[in-house]
Amino acid sequence: MDTPEHHCNLGLAFLDQDNPREAARESDLALGLDSGYGPAWPARDWSWSSRG
């Protein structure tokens, strides 16, 4: 699936697996598809802040 929601959910799953690089990539893909997709913004922030 190539929807913002799908990529955002994958990003959150990667965060749960302690994989912030992949989480950030998925969040960026979600925002690339729809920069107005609200849930992707905090997911992106969480993934970047988890990278240390």
C-alpha atoms as a PDB file:
ATOM      1  CA  MET A   1       0.000   0.000   0.000  1.00  0.00           C
ATOM      2  CA  ASP A   2       1.278   3.423  -0.817  1.00  0.00           C
ATOM      3  CA  THR A   3      -0.775   5.673   1.417  1.00  0.00           C
ATOM      4  CA  PRO A   4       0.328   8.164   4.069  1.00  0.00           C
ATOM      5  CA  GLU A   5      -1.536   6.193   6.730  1.00  0.00           C
ATOM      6  CA  HIS A   6       0.243   2.958   5.820  1.00  0.00           C
ATOM      7  CA  HIS A   7       3.702   4.555   5.894  1.00  0.00           C
ATOM      8  CA  CYS A   8       2.938   6.325   9.163  1.00  0.00           C
ATOM      9  CA  ASN A   9       1.820   3.045  10.751  1.00  0.00           C
ATOM     10  CA  LEU A  10       4.967   1.319   9.509  1.00  0.00           C
ATOM     11  CA  GLY A  11       7.018   4.129  11.006  1.00  0.00           C
ATOM     12  CA  LEU A  12       5.358   3.681  14.374  1.00  0.00           C
ATOM     13  CA  ALA A  13       5.966  -0.071  14.190  1.00  0.00           C
ATOM     14  CA  PHE A  14       9.658   0.583  13.511  1.00  0.00           C
ATOM     15  CA  LEU A  15       9.769   2.871  16.541  1.00  0.00           C
ATOM     16  CA  ASP A  16       8.308   0.060  18.644  1.00  0.00           C
ATOM     17  CA  GLN A  17      11.126  -2.152  17.337  1.00  0.00           C
ATOM     18  CA  ASP A  18      13.720   0.481  18.325  1.00  0.00           C
ATOM     19  CA  ASN A  19      14.567   1.242  14.705  1.00  0.00           C
ATOM     20  CA  PRO A  20      14.336   5.048  14.436  1.00  0.00           C
ATOM     21  CA  ARG A  21      16.117   5.263  11.063  1.00  0.00           C
ATOM     22  CA  GLU A  22      13.463   3.201   9.313  1.00  0.00           C
ATOM     23  CA  ALA A  23      10.754   4.995  11.287  1.00  0.00           C
ATOM     24  CA  ALA A  24      12.012   8.350  10.018  1.00  0.00           C
ATOM     25  CA  ARG A  25      12.163   7.045   6.463  1.00  0.00           C
ATOM     26  CA  GLU A  26       8.558   5.827   6.622  1.00  0.00           C
ATOM     27  CA  SER A  27       7.360   9.095   8.143  1.00  0.00           C
ATOM     28  CA  ASP A  28       9.126  11.028   5.394  1.00  0.00           C
ATOM     29  CA  LEU A  29       7.466   8.817   2.776  1.00  0.00           C
ATOM     30  CA  ALA A  30       4.069   9.504   4.352  1.00  0.00           C
ATOM     31  CA  LEU A  31       4.705  13.239   4.286  1.00  0.00           C
ATOM     32  CA  GLY A  32       5.980  13.023   0.721  1.00  0.00           C
ATOM     33  CA  LEU A  33       2.640  11.568  -0.311  1.00  0.00           C
ATOM     34  CA  ASP A  34       0.612  14.075   1.694  1.00  0.00           C
ATOM     35  CA  SER A  35       2.321  16.841   3.643  1.00  0.00           C
ATOM     36  CA  GLY A  36      -1.015  17.603   5.274  1.00  0.00           C
ATOM     37  CA  TYR A  37      -1.337  14.171   6.846  1.00  0.00           C
ATOM     38  CA  GLY A  38      -1.301  15.261  10.476  1.00  0.00           C
ATOM     39  CA  PRO A  39      -0.310  12.021  12.256  1.00  0.00           C
ATOM     40  CA  ALA A  40       2.915  11.771  10.259  1.00  0.00           C
ATOM     41  CA  TRP A  41       4.379  14.956  11.747  1.00  0.00           C
ATOM     42  CA  PRO A  42       4.608  13.815  15.384  1.00  0.00           C
ATOM     43  CA  ALA A  43       5.688  10.344  14.215  1.00  0.00           C
ATOM     44  CA  ARG A  44       8.516  12.003  12.288  1.00  0.00           C
ATOM     45  CA  ASP A  45       9.497  14.067  15.318  1.00  0.00           C
ATOM     46  CA  TRP A  46       9.510  11.006  17.575  1.00  0.00           C
ATOM     47  CA  SER A  47      11.640   9.058  15.152  1.00  0.00           C
ATOM     48  CA  TRP A  48      14.199  11.848  14.779  1.00  0.00           C
ATOM     49  CA  SER A  49      14.377  12.459  18.523  1.00  0.00           C
ATOM     50  CA  SER A  50      14.890   8.726  19.117  1.00  0.00           C
ATOM     51  CA  ARG A  51      17.974   8.701  16.922  1.00  0.00           C
ATOM     52  CA  GLY A  52      19.961  10.396  19.646  1.00  0.00           C
END
